[in-house]
Protein backbone atom coordinates (compact mmCIF):
# COMPACT_ATOMS: atom_id res chain seq x y z
CA MET A 1 205.81 204.13 153.64
CA GLU A 2 208.07 207.07 155.71
CA LEU A 3 210.82 205.30 155.85
CA ILE A 4 210.41 204.41 152.15
CA LYS A 5 210.03 208.10 151.68
CA GLN A 6 212.80 208.86 154.02
CA ALA A 7 215.55 206.75 151.83
CA LYS A 8 213.88 208.82 148.56
CA ALA A 9 212.38 205.62 146.95
CA LYS A 10 208.77 204.96 146.23
CA PRO A 11 206.41 202.46 147.24
CA ALA A 12 206.56 199.44 144.25
CA PHE A 13 202.87 197.73 145.63
CA VAL A 14 200.96 200.68 145.80
CA GLY A 15 199.25 201.49 142.85
CA TYR A 16 199.64 198.10 141.09
CA LYS A 17 196.83 196.80 139.41
CA GLY A 18 194.97 199.35 141.85
CA TYR A 19 196.52 197.54 145.35
CA GLN A 20 196.46 199.98 147.88
CA ASP A 21 198.97 200.36 149.98
CA ALA A 22 203.70 199.39 150.39
CA LEU A 23 203.30 196.05 152.06
CA CYS A 24 201.61 193.12 152.13
CA VAL A 25 201.17 191.01 155.15
CA SER A 26 199.84 187.89 155.28
CA VAL A 27 198.99 185.91 158.29
CA ASN A 28 199.67 182.35 159.26
CA GLU A 29 197.76 180.38 156.52
CA GLU A 30 197.72 183.08 154.16
CA VAL A 31 200.59 182.68 152.03
CA VAL A 32 201.23 185.99 150.16
CA HIS A 33 199.95 189.34 147.91
CA CYS A 34 197.60 190.23 151.92
CA PRO A 35 196.62 193.88 152.29
CA PRO A 36 197.30 195.19 156.22
CA THR A 37 194.85 195.05 158.35
CA ARG A 38 193.58 196.10 162.29
CA ARG A 39 194.12 193.32 163.31
CA VAL A 40 195.28 190.96 166.37
CA LEU A 41 198.72 189.07 166.42
CA LYS A 42 198.59 186.09 169.16
CA ASN A 43 201.58 184.03 170.38
CA GLY A 44 202.11 181.56 168.65
CA ASP A 45 200.89 183.52 164.81
CA ILE A 46 203.40 183.65 161.90
CA VAL A 47 203.72 186.76 159.81
CA SER A 48 205.06 187.00 156.32
CA ILE A 49 206.34 190.68 154.71
CA ASP A 50 206.28 191.17 151.20
CA ALA A 51 207.59 194.79 150.34
CA GLY A 52 209.35 196.46 147.32
CA VAL A 53 210.39 200.02 146.02
CA ILE A 54 211.19 201.96 143.39
CA TYR A 55 214.74 203.06 143.29
CA LYS A 56 216.28 205.51 140.89
CA ASP A 57 213.73 204.83 138.40
CA MET A 58 214.41 200.32 139.26
CA TYR A 59 212.58 198.26 141.51
CA SER A 60 213.32 195.96 143.97
CA ASP A 61 211.35 193.40 146.13
CA CYS A 62 211.56 190.96 149.25
CA ALA A 63 210.27 189.35 151.93
CA VAL A 64 210.29 187.81 155.24
CA THR A 65 207.88 185.59 157.49
CA VAL A 66 209.48 185.85 161.04
CA PRO A 67 207.67 184.90 164.39
CA VAL A 68 204.95 186.60 167.22
CA GLY A 69 205.78 184.80 170.84
CA GLU A 70 206.05 181.57 171.60
CA ILE A 71 205.97 179.50 168.42
CA SER A 72 205.63 175.69 167.82
CA ASP A 73 208.35 173.64 166.52
CA GLU A 74 207.29 172.67 163.03
CA ALA A 75 206.32 176.17 162.71
CA LYS A 76 209.86 176.93 163.38
CA ARG A 77 211.50 174.40 160.87
CA LEU A 78 208.85 175.41 158.49
CA ILE A 79 210.67 179.25 158.50
CA GLN A 80 213.94 177.78 158.95
CA VAL A 81 213.24 175.59 155.75
CA THR A 82 211.75 177.98 153.65
CA ARG A 83 214.70 180.87 154.42
CA ASP A 84 217.67 178.88 153.49
CA SER A 85 216.44 177.04 150.94
CA LEU A 86 216.41 180.91 149.56
CA ASN A 87 219.78 182.01 151.55
CA HIS A 88 221.37 178.35 150.62
CA GLN A 89 220.45 176.09 147.88
CA ALA A 90 219.00 178.72 146.06
CA MET A 91 221.47 181.13 145.69
CA ALA A 92 224.11 177.88 145.31
CA MET A 93 222.47 177.71 141.98
CA ILE A 94 222.49 181.85 140.99
CA LYS A 95 225.42 182.38 138.73
CA PRO A 96 226.20 181.95 134.93
CA GLY A 97 225.22 178.83 132.62
CA ASN A 98 223.11 177.96 135.31
CA THR A 99 218.69 177.60 134.43
CA THR A 100 215.66 178.77 136.09
CA GLY A 101 215.18 175.01 136.85
CA ASP A 102 218.45 174.61 138.17
CA ILE A 103 216.95 177.30 141.15
CA GLY A 104 214.27 175.02 141.31
CA HIS A 105 215.24 171.62 141.11
CA ALA A 106 217.47 173.09 144.40
CA ILE A 107 214.68 174.92 146.27
CA GLN A 108 212.20 171.66 145.47
CA THR A 109 213.88 169.41 146.41
CA TYR A 110 215.20 170.80 149.93
CA VAL A 111 211.98 171.42 150.55
CA GLU A 112 210.08 168.00 149.63
CA ASP A 113 213.19 166.07 151.69
CA ALA A 114 212.11 168.86 154.55
CA GLY A 115 207.74 167.15 155.04
CA PHE A 116 207.28 169.90 153.44
CA THR A 117 204.83 171.39 150.52
CA ILE A 118 206.01 173.75 146.85
CA VAL A 119 202.96 176.11 146.31
CA ARG A 120 203.53 175.67 142.65
CA SER A 121 200.62 178.51 141.44
CA LEU A 122 202.71 181.95 142.43
CA VAL A 123 206.67 182.49 141.40
CA GLY A 124 208.93 184.84 141.18
CA HIS A 125 210.20 186.66 138.49
CA GLY A 126 212.72 188.68 137.01
CA ILE A 127 212.87 193.09 137.91
CA GLY A 128 214.06 196.07 136.88
CA ARG A 129 212.31 198.73 135.64
CA ASN A 130 209.11 196.62 136.54
CA LEU A 131 207.92 194.90 139.24
CA HIS A 132 207.23 192.49 137.53
CA GLU A 133 209.23 190.81 134.45
CA GLU A 134 210.52 187.60 132.00
CA PRO A 135 211.54 185.38 133.30
CA SER A 136 209.04 182.96 135.39
CA ILE A 137 211.12 181.75 138.48
CA PRO A 138 208.98 178.46 139.61
CA ASN A 139 210.49 177.16 143.04
CA PHE A 140 210.08 173.28 140.99
CA GLY A 141 212.00 172.40 137.57
CA GLU A 142 214.36 170.53 136.59
CA PRO A 143 218.19 170.46 136.67
CA GLY A 144 219.20 172.43 133.01
CA THR A 145 215.63 173.70 131.69
CA GLY A 146 214.49 176.70 131.44
CA VAL A 147 215.60 180.33 131.12
CA ARG A 148 220.07 180.27 130.81
CA LEU A 149 221.45 182.85 133.93
CA GLU A 150 223.37 185.59 131.96
CA PRO A 151 225.41 188.74 133.60
CA GLY A 152 223.81 191.71 134.12
CA MET A 153 219.93 190.26 134.52
CA ALA A 154 218.22 190.94 137.49
CA ILE A 155 215.48 187.70 138.92
CA ALA A 156 212.78 187.51 142.88
CA VAL A 157 213.41 184.82 143.71
CA GLU A 158 210.99 184.11 146.72
CA PRO A 159 210.46 180.07 147.74
CA MET A 160 206.29 179.97 149.44
CA VAL A 161 206.62 176.53 151.49
CA ASN A 162 203.70 175.45 152.91
CA ALA A 163 202.73 173.60 156.00
CA GLY A 164 200.44 170.79 154.24
CA SER A 165 199.49 170.45 150.83
CA GLY A 166 201.07 172.85 148.05
CA ASP A 167 197.27 173.61 147.19
CA VAL A 168 196.07 177.32 147.27
CA VAL A 169 193.33 179.07 147.16
CA PHE A 170 192.87 183.36 145.72
CA GLN A 171 190.13 184.81 147.60
CA ASP A 172 186.85 186.49 146.03
CA ASP A 173 188.34 189.53 146.88
CA GLY A 174 191.69 189.65 144.10
CA TRP A 175 194.38 190.17 146.27
CA ARG A 176 194.56 187.51 149.21
CA VAL A 177 195.97 183.71 148.79
CA VAL A 178 196.08 180.92 151.53
CA THR A 179 196.08 177.95 152.12
CA ALA A 180 193.67 174.85 150.99
CA ASP A 181 193.99 173.17 154.24
CA GLY A 182 194.47 175.67 156.43
CA GLU A 183 197.79 174.77 157.28
CA MET A 184 200.36 177.10 157.93
CA SER A 185 202.52 178.54 154.91
CA ALA A 186 206.63 180.70 154.98
CA HIS A 187 207.11 182.88 152.20
CA PHE A 188 210.75 184.77 151.69
CA GLU A 189 212.52 186.38 149.11
CA HIS A 190 215.52 188.52 147.44
CA SER A 191 216.01 190.65 144.18
CA PHE A 192 218.96 189.22 142.60
CA LEU A 193 221.53 190.67 140.29
CA ILE A 194 223.23 188.23 137.71
CA THR A 195 227.29 189.54 138.11
CA GLU A 196 229.75 187.57 135.83
CA ASP A 197 231.28 185.14 138.74
CA GLY A 198 228.22 184.48 140.55
CA CYS A 199 225.83 187.30 141.87
CA GLU A 200 224.20 189.89 144.33
CA VAL A 201 222.07 190.29 146.72
CA LEU A 202 220.16 193.12 146.40
CA THR A 203 217.71 193.56 149.44
CA GLU A 204 219.93 191.60 151.50
CA LEU A 205 218.41 193.29 155.87
């Protein structure tokens, strides 16, 4: 929170539909939207951190999954595949004339070829004057379908990838989403601006 304020920005999540924290912090089988709590992380855990800020009345949204200590080879591969599905597969499709289906197909194909699964009940989104705008950006789809990308559009692309089944359970607290089978999940996200000849990453770390 203090770092956001030092940058003369505001936390985008605080107050959003009643959410009270600047970050979402999801551990292991927790997929997304988990309020941070006091807990002891242990060697082998993976932690997904999702953050958004408002700067000069414009929103951004990003996420990263990081290891705690020494993690299993499978967890390393899950993180790497999820990261690459965003930074390489999706990013290559984000340019004028392509569609949201092109992005989703690129992510889905790469993830499933690696033996992991896509969470289909949660998707990326447009972003700009509001945190969540149209169009929806699914992490699956068919080439040439969906909304066509045009210069000036801003979108948040966020593959959520599970080690087991792609099914998830929405918890009774109204926020936490966890894998249905208790297997690990990874999450990466960037906000992109569509330019005349490609895209600009607005949230590059």
